[in-house]
């Protein structure tokens, strides 16, 4: 959807996140110089390469997206401190999409046409990505997108560093069917990601003998959830699985009322795909402990790379801060872009960088990732249970990275299709 949202603030937005907002405002003011069409080169001046950062710093999605900007700024700082890219420092031009999809498109056009950035790191919701996609495709420019999403897309102009459905949603359904029950109630925000995700889930349940007993949506940012709670109780009187694709402050009201109505995780285990450590901290562990989330990365991942990442993030932004999956995906995509630029030998030739990006590997905090020819990453899949400390205990983990499948193989309209941008005869969608 591309309608405008209200500027609803996240209800439990904490003081640490507010401090981040002030810091980001300062970064924005410091990093957006006066520019015009005469700025030399696609990426800036002689000694710098300009990149765009485009996320919501205000509105209902700010609680999630501000932390993603923090992670991107951390990666840029580390790269600059290590000598930059091709001997040049990265200069970030930060723009606020304001949780409003037309604003995202407007700011994307500004970054490309006026600021002459070499690439853009941005978006969270699929609605914002869909809004900017025509801008990048018409200009031939490049977007790096860091959040898990519903798939059913494979653009030449986008690199997707979050999970495709077969790297998050589908494994979560399989795990729930094996461990928690066969009857599912689907709850989501009313926009493209939850509706498409639930189409996939329903097709998967039908194929595997599960049952969808109910499905309901509320507007993104909405907090009127009483009707949904009532429907869940009616459809699952003896308990069952709740699959949650709510985003933003809707989760606060939902989990509080779930608990108040006695829908506890022992009988009503809830699997979320948009709640991570940052949201747990804001909503309150007391409402979420015992419930589940599916991601590729958790702060609790035990790797040397993750220990370094968490330490660096906390050192820069505060010991009370947490890391999460979209932040890790945002952090590593800056490094993958850097590697592609260095392989191409230029930041200005976007097509050369795009070709050089395919095949790049990176030892990420969450494990080895590889950028495939469908512009998605191979990633490890994990399922975590929320503990008393607000961290996720990993209860399931794939033994190796899972290759991404953008076109869903459960949905009839896309079954049998794939994507390969290395082969001009195949491109974004071809029948296997």
Protein backbone atom coordinates (compact mmCIF):
# COMPACT_ATOMS: atom_id res chain seq x y z
CA UNK A 1 0.00 0.00 0.00
CA UNK A 2 1.10 3.54 -0.60
CA UNK A 3 -1.32 5.54 1.55
CA UNK A 4 -0.05 8.06 4.09
CA UNK A 5 0.26 7.06 7.72
CA UNK A 6 -0.39 9.09 10.85
CA UNK A 7 2.63 10.25 12.81
CA UNK A 8 1.88 7.97 15.73
CA UNK A 9 4.84 7.60 18.08
CA UNK A 10 5.80 4.19 19.37
CA UNK A 11 4.08 3.98 22.74
CA UNK A 12 6.93 2.63 24.81
CA UNK A 13 9.78 4.36 23.05
CA UNK A 14 12.55 4.52 25.65
CA UNK A 15 15.09 7.10 26.61
CA UNK A 16 17.94 5.23 24.95
CA UNK A 17 16.14 5.31 21.63
CA UNK A 18 15.40 9.00 22.15
CA UNK A 19 19.11 9.61 22.68
CA UNK A 20 19.72 7.76 19.43
CA UNK A 21 17.23 10.08 17.71
CA UNK A 22 19.14 13.14 18.92
CA UNK A 23 22.41 11.62 17.77
CA UNK A 24 20.94 10.80 14.37
CA UNK A 25 19.61 14.33 13.99
CA UNK A 26 23.10 15.61 14.61
CA UNK A 27 24.48 13.12 12.09
CA UNK A 28 21.91 14.24 9.54
CA UNK A 29 22.80 17.90 9.99
CA UNK A 30 26.51 17.15 9.81
CA UNK A 31 26.31 14.85 6.82
CA UNK A 32 24.03 16.66 4.41
CA UNK A 33 26.04 19.36 2.65
CA UNK A 34 24.61 21.82 0.19
CA UNK A 35 24.84 20.02 -3.13
CA UNK A 36 23.63 20.53 -6.67
CA UNK A 37 23.70 18.79 -10.02
CA UNK A 38 27.27 19.95 -10.60
CA UNK A 39 28.67 17.76 -7.82
CA UNK A 40 31.50 15.79 -9.49
CA UNK A 41 31.14 12.04 -9.91
CA UNK A 42 28.34 9.69 -8.97
CA UNK A 43 29.71 9.31 -5.49
CA UNK A 44 30.94 12.75 -4.40
CA UNK A 45 34.16 14.74 -4.58
CA UNK A 46 37.80 13.84 -4.98
CA UNK A 47 38.33 12.58 -1.43
CA UNK A 48 34.87 11.25 -0.55
CA UNK A 49 32.25 8.81 -1.75
CA UNK A 50 28.74 9.87 -0.86
CA UNK A 51 26.14 7.26 0.08
CA UNK A 52 22.49 7.72 1.00
CA UNK A 53 20.87 6.47 4.19
CA UNK A 54 17.07 6.48 3.94
CA UNK A 55 15.05 5.25 6.92
CA UNK A 56 12.24 6.45 9.18
CA UNK A 57 13.64 8.70 11.89
CA UNK A 58 10.10 9.73 12.87
CA UNK A 59 6.66 8.14 12.83
CA UNK A 60 5.49 4.68 13.88
CA UNK A 61 8.49 2.82 12.40
CA UNK A 62 11.19 5.03 13.95
CA UNK A 63 11.74 2.69 16.93
CA UNK A 64 13.01 0.02 14.56
CA UNK A 65 14.63 2.05 11.80
CA UNK A 66 16.69 4.43 13.93
CA UNK A 67 18.69 1.49 15.25
CA UNK A 68 19.30 0.31 11.68
CA UNK A 69 20.79 3.72 10.89
CA UNK A 70 23.01 3.38 13.95
CA UNK A 71 24.34 0.08 12.59
CA UNK A 72 24.98 1.56 9.14
CA UNK A 73 26.80 4.54 10.66
CA UNK A 74 28.93 2.16 12.75
CA UNK A 75 29.99 0.24 9.63
CA UNK A 76 30.81 3.49 7.81
CA UNK A 77 32.88 4.72 10.75
CA UNK A 78 34.80 1.43 10.93
CA UNK A 79 35.50 1.46 7.20
CA UNK A 80 36.63 5.08 7.28
CA UNK A 81 38.90 4.42 10.26
CA UNK A 82 40.46 1.52 8.34
CA UNK A 83 41.30 3.71 5.32
CA UNK A 84 37.97 4.07 3.56
CA UNK A 85 37.05 2.68 0.15
CA UNK A 86 39.55 2.99 -2.71
CA UNK A 87 41.42 5.47 -0.55
CA UNK A 88 38.33 7.68 -0.09
CA UNK A 89 36.21 8.29 2.99
CA UNK A 90 32.50 7.44 2.93
CA UNK A 91 30.23 10.44 3.51
CA UNK A 92 26.67 9.60 4.56
CA UNK A 93 23.73 11.75 3.48
CA UNK A 94 20.93 10.83 5.92
CA UNK A 95 17.27 11.35 5.03
CA UNK A 96 14.07 10.71 7.03
CA UNK A 97 11.35 8.71 5.27
CA UNK A 98 9.06 9.63 8.20
CA UNK A 99 7.10 6.34 8.07
CA UNK A 100 5.37 7.76 4.99
CA UNK A 101 5.71 5.98 1.66
CA UNK A 102 5.46 8.98 -0.72
CA UNK A 103 8.11 10.71 1.40
CA UNK A 104 10.42 7.72 0.91
CA UNK A 105 10.07 8.05 -2.86
CA UNK A 106 10.66 11.80 -2.70
CA UNK A 107 13.80 11.42 -0.58
CA UNK A 108 15.13 8.61 -2.77
CA UNK A 109 14.85 10.89 -5.80
CA UNK A 110 16.66 13.67 -3.92
CA UNK A 111 19.53 11.39 -2.93
CA UNK A 112 19.98 10.21 -6.51
CA UNK A 113 19.40 13.43 -8.46
CA UNK A 114 20.60 16.16 -6.14
CA UNK A 115 23.08 14.51 -3.79
CA UNK A 116 24.56 12.22 -6.46
CA UNK A 117 25.10 9.35 -4.03
CA UNK A 118 26.88 6.21 -5.18
CA UNK A 119 24.29 3.95 -3.54
CA UNK A 120 21.45 4.05 -1.03
CA UNK A 121 21.06 1.97 2.13
CA UNK A 122 17.44 2.12 3.15
CA UNK A 123 13.82 1.24 3.88
CA UNK A 124 12.23 -1.17 6.37
CA UNK A 125 8.62 -1.88 5.45
CA UNK A 126 7.81 -3.47 2.14
CA UNK A 127 5.46 -0.55 1.51
CA UNK A 128 8.41 1.86 1.64
CA UNK A 129 10.49 -0.43 -0.57
CA UNK A 130 7.68 -0.71 -3.11
CA UNK A 131 7.35 3.09 -3.09
CA UNK A 132 11.01 3.72 -3.92
CA UNK A 133 11.45 0.81 -6.33
CA UNK A 134 10.25 2.73 -9.43
CA UNK A 135 12.73 5.51 -8.58
CA UNK A 136 15.68 3.10 -8.55
CA UNK A 137 14.53 1.17 -11.59
CA UNK A 138 13.88 4.25 -13.74
CA UNK A 139 17.25 5.74 -12.81
CA UNK A 140 19.23 2.49 -12.97
CA UNK A 141 20.45 3.18 -9.45
CA UNK A 142 21.14 0.82 -6.51
CA UNK A 143 19.32 0.17 -3.21
CA UNK A 144 20.54 -2.06 -0.38
CA UNK A 145 17.58 -3.29 1.68
CA UNK A 146 18.30 -4.81 5.13
CA UNK A 147 15.04 -6.32 6.38
CA UNK A 148 13.36 -9.72 6.07
CA UNK A 149 10.46 -9.49 3.67
CA UNK A 150 7.72 -11.39 1.85
CA UNK A 151 9.67 -12.22 -1.32
CA UNK A 152 7.77 -12.29 -4.61
CA UNK A 153 10.21 -9.71 -5.97
CA UNK A 154 13.67 -9.81 -7.51
CA UNK A 155 14.85 -6.45 -8.80
CA UNK A 156 18.11 -5.84 -10.61
CA UNK A 157 18.36 -2.56 -8.71
CA UNK A 158 18.00 -3.98 -5.19
CA UNK A 159 20.27 -6.09 -3.01
CA UNK A 160 18.21 -7.80 -0.30
CA UNK A 161 20.31 -8.58 2.78
CA UNK A 162 17.43 -9.65 5.04
CA UNK A 163 15.69 -13.01 4.82
CA UNK A 164 13.54 -14.29 1.99
CA UNK A 165 10.48 -16.27 3.19
CA UNK A 166 12.29 -19.62 2.87
CA UNK A 167 14.91 -18.26 5.27
CA UNK A 168 12.48 -17.13 7.99
CA UNK A 169 8.73 -17.60 7.55
CA UNK A 170 8.73 -21.10 6.07
CA UNK A 171 11.23 -22.61 8.59
CA UNK A 172 9.23 -21.00 11.41
CA UNK A 173 6.03 -22.68 10.19
CA UNK A 174 7.81 -26.03 9.88
CA UNK A 175 9.18 -25.72 13.42
CA UNK A 176 5.78 -24.79 14.84
CA UNK A 177 4.06 -27.70 13.08
CA UNK A 178 6.63 -30.10 14.53
CA UNK A 179 6.78 -28.63 18.03
CA UNK A 180 3.70 -26.55 18.86
CA UNK A 181 0.58 -27.60 16.97
CA UNK A 182 -1.34 -27.83 13.72
CA UNK A 183 -3.89 -25.03 14.12
CA UNK A 184 -2.75 -21.47 13.28
CA UNK A 185 -4.35 -18.05 13.74
CA UNK A 186 -2.67 -15.37 11.59
CA UNK A 187 -2.41 -11.80 12.90
CA UNK A 188 -0.87 -8.95 10.89
CA UNK A 189 -0.64 -5.27 10.10
CA UNK A 190 -2.65 -4.30 7.05
CA UNK A 191 -0.05 -3.78 4.34
CA UNK A 192 1.85 -5.75 1.74
CA UNK A 193 4.30 -7.76 3.88
CA UNK A 194 1.84 -9.37 6.33
CA UNK A 195 -0.78 -10.09 3.68
CA UNK A 196 1.74 -11.70 1.30
CA UNK A 197 3.44 -13.56 4.16
CA UNK A 198 0.10 -14.98 5.25
CA UNK A 199 -0.70 -16.06 1.69
CA UNK A 200 2.52 -18.07 1.81
CA UNK A 201 1.77 -19.46 5.27
CA UNK A 202 -1.71 -20.61 4.28
CA UNK A 203 -0.38 -22.37 1.19
CA UNK A 204 2.37 -24.01 3.24
CA UNK A 205 -0.06 -25.18 5.93
CA UNK A 206 -2.36 -26.65 3.29
CA UNK A 207 0.56 -28.51 1.73
CA UNK A 208 1.77 -29.89 5.08
CA UNK A 209 -1.47 -30.81 6.78
CA UNK A 210 -1.80 -27.79 9.05
CA UNK A 211 -4.91 -25.64 9.40
CA UNK A 212 -5.52 -21.88 9.25
CA UNK A 213 -8.37 -21.30 11.71
CA UNK A 214 -8.42 -17.51 11.47
CA UNK A 215 -6.77 -14.46 9.91
CA UNK A 216 -7.13 -10.80 10.86
CA UNK A 217 -5.42 -7.44 10.31
CA UNK A 218 -5.28 -3.98 11.84
CA UNK A 219 -3.88 -0.78 10.30
CA UNK A 220 -0.13 -0.28 10.65
CA UNK A 221 0.30 1.63 13.91
CA UNK A 222 -3.21 0.69 15.10
CA UNK A 223 -3.73 -0.32 18.73
CA UNK A 224 -7.35 -1.52 18.72
CA UNK A 225 -6.73 -5.24 19.14
CA UNK A 226 -9.63 -6.34 21.37
CA UNK A 227 -11.56 -7.76 18.42
CA UNK A 228 -8.58 -9.86 17.33
CA UNK A 229 -8.13 -11.27 20.85
CA UNK A 230 -11.80 -12.22 20.91
CA UNK A 231 -11.53 -13.94 17.52
CA UNK A 232 -8.46 -15.90 18.66
CA UNK A 233 -10.30 -17.12 21.76
CA UNK A 234 -13.27 -18.20 19.65
CA UNK A 235 -11.19 -19.96 16.99
CA UNK A 236 -8.73 -21.58 19.42
CA UNK A 237 -10.67 -22.20 22.67
CA UNK A 238 -8.23 -24.88 23.79
CA UNK A 239 -5.07 -23.16 22.59
CA UNK A 240 -3.07 -23.12 19.39
CA UNK A 241 -0.39 -21.32 17.41
CA UNK A 242 -0.49 -17.58 16.70
CA UNK A 243 1.66 -16.37 13.80
CA UNK A 244 2.31 -12.66 14.24
CA UNK A 245 3.26 -10.26 11.44
CA UNK A 246 2.27 -7.07 13.28
CA UNK A 247 4.73 -4.19 13.02
CA UNK A 248 5.39 -1.13 15.16
CA UNK A 249 3.39 -0.05 18.21
CA UNK A 250 0.53 -2.46 17.47
CA UNK A 251 2.60 -5.14 19.19
CA UNK A 252 2.47 -3.27 22.52
CA UNK A 253 -1.31 -3.43 22.75
CA UNK A 254 -1.45 -6.93 21.28
CA UNK A 255 0.91 -8.64 23.73
CA UNK A 256 -0.45 -6.74 26.75
CA UNK A 257 -4.01 -7.74 25.93
CA UNK A 258 -2.93 -11.29 25.09
CA UNK A 259 -1.52 -11.64 28.57
CA UNK A 260 -4.49 -9.88 30.18
CA UNK A 261 -6.87 -12.29 28.45
CA UNK A 262 -4.92 -15.31 29.66
CA UNK A 263 -3.49 -16.22 26.25
CA UNK A 264 -0.13 -17.29 27.67
CA UNK A 265 2.69 -18.92 25.67
CA UNK A 266 2.18 -22.36 27.22
CA UNK A 267 -1.18 -22.66 25.40
CA UNK A 268 -0.91 -19.89 22.79
CA UNK A 269 2.72 -19.81 21.60
CA UNK A 270 3.20 -16.82 19.33
CA UNK A 271 5.80 -16.73 16.56
CA UNK A 272 6.78 -13.21 15.47
CA UNK A 273 8.83 -12.23 12.45
CA UNK A 274 9.12 -8.50 13.14
CA UNK A 275 9.92 -8.49 16.87
CA UNK A 276 13.60 -8.55 17.79
CA UNK A 277 15.72 -7.47 20.75
CA UNK A 278 15.00 -3.75 20.29
CA UNK A 279 11.24 -4.29 20.28
CA UNK A 280 11.40 -6.67 23.26
CA UNK A 281 13.15 -3.98 25.26
CA UNK A 282 10.54 -1.37 24.30
CA UNK A 283 7.43 -3.53 24.74
CA UNK A 284 8.54 -5.18 27.98
CA UNK A 285 10.02 -8.62 28.60
CA UNK A 286 7.21 -9.44 31.04
CA UNK A 287 4.74 -9.50 28.14
CA UNK A 288 6.92 -11.45 25.70
CA UNK A 289 8.90 -14.06 27.63
CA UNK A 290 8.13 -17.57 26.47
CA UNK A 291 7.07 -16.45 22.99
CA UNK A 292 9.17 -16.97 19.86
CA UNK A 293 10.71 -15.17 16.92
CA UNK A 294 12.39 -16.35 13.72
CA UNK A 295 15.43 -14.51 12.38
CA UNK A 296 18.85 -15.17 10.91
CA UNK A 297 20.66 -13.36 13.73
CA UNK A 298 20.20 -12.83 17.46
CA UNK A 299 22.44 -10.90 19.84
CA UNK A 300 22.97 -14.21 21.65
CA UNK A 301 24.73 -15.82 18.65
CA UNK A 302 28.06 -17.12 19.90
CA UNK A 303 30.69 -16.23 17.29
CA UNK A 304 33.88 -14.14 17.56
CA UNK A 305 32.51 -11.82 14.87
CA UNK A 306 29.34 -11.24 16.88
CA UNK A 307 31.21 -10.56 20.09
CA UNK A 308 33.21 -7.92 18.24
CA UNK A 309 30.09 -6.44 16.63
CA UNK A 310 28.12 -6.23 19.89
CA UNK A 311 31.07 -4.73 21.75
CA UNK A 312 31.68 -2.13 19.04
CA UNK A 313 27.99 -1.20 18.90
CA UNK A 314 27.67 -0.83 22.67
CA UNK A 315 30.91 1.12 22.88
CA UNK A 316 29.60 3.63 20.34
CA UNK A 317 25.96 3.92 21.41
CA UNK A 318 25.79 2.81 25.05
CA UNK A 319 26.03 -0.37 27.10
CA UNK A 320 22.25 -0.50 27.50
CA UNK A 321 21.69 -0.83 23.74
CA UNK A 322 20.95 -4.13 22.02
CA UNK A 323 21.62 -5.51 18.55
CA UNK A 324 19.16 -7.37 16.34
CA UNK A 325 18.73 -9.00 12.93
CA UNK A 326 17.89 -5.96 10.76
CA UNK A 327 20.76 -4.07 12.39
CA UNK A 328 23.18 -6.88 11.58
CA UNK A 329 21.86 -7.07 8.00
CA UNK A 330 22.28 -3.29 7.68
CA UNK A 331 25.79 -3.41 9.10
CA UNK A 332 26.99 -6.15 6.77
CA UNK A 333 25.45 -4.66 3.64
CA UNK A 334 27.72 -1.63 3.95
CA UNK A 335 30.71 -3.98 3.99
CA UNK A 336 29.38 -5.98 1.03
CA UNK A 337 28.96 -2.76 -0.96
CA UNK A 338 32.53 -1.74 -0.01
CA UNK A 339 33.88 -5.08 -1.24
CA UNK A 340 31.96 -4.76 -4.50
CA UNK A 341 33.31 -1.23 -5.08
CA UNK A 342 36.84 -2.41 -4.46
CA UNK A 343 36.42 -5.34 -6.84
CA UNK A 344 34.95 -3.04 -9.50
CA UNK A 345 37.68 -0.45 -8.90
CA UNK A 346 35.11 2.34 -8.92
CA UNK A 347 32.10 3.64 -6.99
CA UNK A 348 30.88 5.79 -9.87
CA UNK A 349 30.04 2.99 -12.32
CA UNK A 350 26.95 1.54 -10.69
CA UNK A 351 26.58 -1.26 -13.22
CA UNK A 352 30.16 -2.40 -12.59
CA UNK A 353 29.56 -2.37 -8.83
CA UNK A 354 26.31 -4.29 -9.28
CA UNK A 355 28.08 -7.04 -11.22
CA UNK A 356 30.97 -7.14 -8.74
CA UNK A 357 28.60 -7.55 -5.81
CA UNK A 358 27.36 -10.98 -6.92
CA UNK A 359 29.43 -13.70 -5.27
CA UNK A 360 30.74 -11.50 -2.47
CA UNK A 361 31.11 -13.31 0.86
CA UNK A 362 31.39 -11.89 4.35
CA UNK A 363 32.01 -13.44 7.73
CA UNK A 364 29.06 -11.72 9.39
CA UNK A 365 28.26 -11.65 13.11
CA UNK A 366 25.56 -14.24 12.41
CA UNK A 367 27.79 -16.45 10.26
CA UNK A 368 29.05 -16.64 6.70
CA UNK A 369 26.87 -14.94 4.08
CA UNK A 370 27.14 -15.07 0.29
CA UNK A 371 25.49 -12.68 -2.15
CA UNK A 372 23.80 -14.87 -4.75
CA UNK A 373 22.97 -14.08 -8.40
CA UNK A 374 19.36 -13.39 -7.37
CA UNK A 375 20.65 -10.44 -5.29
CA UNK A 376 19.74 -12.14 -1.99
CA UNK A 377 22.04 -13.58 0.69
CA UNK A 378 22.58 -17.16 1.77
CA UNK A 379 22.04 -17.03 5.54
CA UNK A 380 21.73 -19.26 8.61
CA UNK A 381 18.15 -19.61 9.92
CA UNK A 382 17.46 -19.42 13.66
CA UNK A 383 14.44 -19.57 15.96
CA UNK A 384 14.67 -18.04 19.41
CA UNK A 385 12.59 -18.10 22.59
CA UNK A 386 12.39 -14.86 24.56
CA UNK A 387 13.89 -15.23 28.03
CA UNK A 388 13.61 -13.33 31.31
CA UNK A 389 16.57 -11.14 30.30
CA UNK A 390 14.94 -10.02 27.05
CA UNK A 391 17.43 -12.01 25.00
CA UNK A 392 16.62 -14.92 22.73
CA UNK A 393 17.56 -18.48 23.61
CA UNK A 394 18.24 -20.15 20.27
CA UNK A 395 16.07 -23.29 20.09
CA UNK A 396 16.65 -24.14 16.42
CA UNK A 397 19.46 -23.38 13.99
CA UNK A 398 20.29 -24.66 10.52
CA UNK A 399 23.67 -26.39 10.26
CA UNK A 400 24.66 -24.29 7.22
CA UNK A 401 23.51 -21.15 5.41
CA UNK A 402 20.23 -21.55 3.50
CA UNK A 403 20.14 -20.35 -0.11
CA UNK A 404 17.48 -17.69 -0.79
CA UNK A 405 14.39 -18.35 -2.92
CA UNK A 406 12.72 -15.03 -3.85
CA UNK A 407 9.78 -16.51 -5.81
CA UNK A 408 7.76 -18.64 -3.42
CA UNK A 409 7.40 -22.30 -4.23
CA UNK A 410 4.20 -22.86 -2.19
CA UNK A 411 2.20 -20.14 -3.97
CA UNK A 412 0.75 -21.38 -7.28
CA UNK A 413 1.41 -18.17 -9.22
CA UNK A 414 5.17 -18.26 -8.52
CA UNK A 415 5.89 -21.95 -8.12
CA UNK A 416 8.57 -23.03 -10.58
CA UNK A 417 10.05 -19.55 -11.04
CA UNK A 418 13.52 -18.33 -10.16
CA UNK A 419 15.79 -15.28 -10.60
CA UNK A 420 19.32 -14.93 -11.98
CA UNK A 421 20.81 -11.52 -12.78
CA UNK A 422 24.09 -13.02 -14.04
CA UNK A 423 22.28 -14.48 -17.06
CA UNK A 424 20.66 -11.82 -19.32
CA UNK A 425 18.24 -14.42 -20.70
CA UNK A 426 16.85 -15.13 -17.23
CA UNK A 427 16.86 -11.92 -15.20
CA UNK A 428 14.34 -11.23 -12.47
CA UNK A 429 11.82 -14.01 -13.18
CA UNK A 430 12.14 -17.09 -15.33
CA UNK A 431 10.67 -20.58 -15.27
CA UNK A 432 13.14 -23.17 -14.03
